[in-house]
Amino acid sequence: MPIRITILSGDRQGQQLEFDQATIEIGDQLGDDIRFDVTANPGIRDRRVTLKWLNGSWSAVSGGVIDRKSTRLNSSHANISYA
């Protein structure tokens, strides 16, 4: 289930991060696996998404609900963006 995430915009554009865990927290809070600075990226304030490895594919979960727009985030995709 390893996944490589490339940040596509903002002050960390182009940064690549690799994870080998079943849950990845993304947001602006301490303890998030990918944490964005709201001073440099004001659009991220109070936004959060969790990527979960479920049934053999990656899913985006926002507010505890699987986001149907991005339900299947297959790690074989060259680019995955989530707004």
Protein backbone atom coordinates (compact mmCIF):
# COMPACT_ATOMS: atom_id res chain seq x y z
CA MET A 1 0.00 0.00 0.00
CA PRO A 2 2.88 2.49 -0.28
CA ILE A 3 1.85 5.82 -1.75
CA ARG A 4 3.79 8.85 -2.98
CA ILE A 5 2.03 12.19 -2.72
CA THR A 6 3.22 15.20 -4.71
CA ILE A 7 2.02 18.61 -3.56
CA LEU A 8 0.81 20.40 -6.68
CA SER A 9 0.40 24.00 -5.49
CA GLY A 10 1.09 26.42 -2.66
CA ASP A 11 4.31 27.14 -0.83
CA ARG A 12 5.27 23.42 -0.82
CA GLN A 13 4.62 22.89 -4.55
CA GLY A 14 6.65 20.01 -5.96
CA GLN A 15 7.42 18.42 -2.59
CA GLN A 16 7.07 14.63 -2.65
CA LEU A 17 6.16 12.61 0.41
CA GLU A 18 6.07 8.83 0.73
CA PHE A 19 3.95 6.88 3.17
CA ASP A 20 3.58 3.20 4.01
CA GLN A 21 0.59 3.35 6.33
CA ALA A 22 -3.13 2.72 5.90
CA THR A 23 -4.32 6.19 7.02
CA ILE A 24 -2.90 9.60 6.12
CA GLU A 25 -4.25 12.76 7.74
CA ILE A 26 -3.97 16.00 5.74
CA GLY A 27 -4.81 19.41 7.16
CA ASP A 28 -3.54 22.28 9.29
CA GLN A 29 -3.50 20.62 12.72
CA LEU A 30 -0.57 19.47 14.83
CA GLY A 31 -0.16 15.74 14.38
CA ASP A 32 -1.39 15.66 10.77
CA ASP A 33 0.82 13.50 8.53
CA ILE A 34 0.80 16.31 5.94
CA ARG A 35 0.44 19.65 7.67
CA PHE A 36 -0.03 22.91 5.79
CA ASP A 37 0.77 26.33 7.23
CA VAL A 38 -2.39 28.46 7.07
CA THR A 39 -0.30 31.64 6.96
CA ALA A 40 1.26 30.57 3.64
CA ASN A 41 -1.83 28.64 2.48
CA PRO A 42 -4.93 30.45 3.85
CA GLY A 43 -7.31 28.31 1.77
CA ILE A 44 -6.48 25.23 3.85
CA ARG A 45 -7.75 26.69 7.14
CA ASP A 46 -10.26 24.32 8.78
CA ARG A 47 -10.14 21.94 5.80
CA ARG A 48 -9.16 18.35 6.38
CA VAL A 49 -9.08 15.10 4.49
CA THR A 50 -8.08 11.60 5.46
CA LEU A 51 -6.76 9.17 2.88
CA LYS A 52 -7.54 5.55 3.78
CA TRP A 53 -6.51 2.27 2.23
CA LEU A 54 -9.84 0.44 1.93
CA ASN A 55 -10.54 -2.77 0.03
CA GLY A 56 -7.38 -2.53 -2.08
CA SER A 57 -7.57 1.13 -3.07
CA TRP A 58 -7.15 4.61 -1.59
CA SER A 59 -10.26 6.57 -0.60
CA ALA A 60 -10.64 10.18 0.48
CA VAL A 61 -12.68 10.64 3.65
CA SER A 62 -13.82 14.11 4.65
CA GLY A 63 -15.85 14.72 7.81
CA GLY A 64 -16.01 10.97 8.43
CA VAL A 65 -17.76 10.34 5.09
CA ILE A 66 -16.15 8.84 1.99
CA ASP A 67 -16.05 11.60 -0.60
CA ARG A 68 -17.89 10.20 -3.63
CA LYS A 69 -16.04 12.59 -5.98
CA SER A 70 -12.73 10.96 -5.04
CA THR A 71 -13.71 7.54 -3.76
CA ARG A 72 -11.12 5.63 -5.79
CA LEU A 73 -7.65 7.10 -5.49
CA ASN A 74 -5.59 4.31 -6.98
CA SER A 75 -1.92 4.62 -6.08
CA SER A 76 -1.04 3.68 -9.67
CA HIS A 77 -2.31 7.06 -10.89
CA ALA A 78 0.51 9.41 -11.88
CA ASN A 79 -1.21 12.42 -10.24
CA ILE A 80 -3.95 12.60 -7.67
CA SER A 81 -5.35 16.00 -6.79
CA TYR A 82 -7.91 16.72 -4.15
CA ALA A 83 -9.41 20.17 -3.61
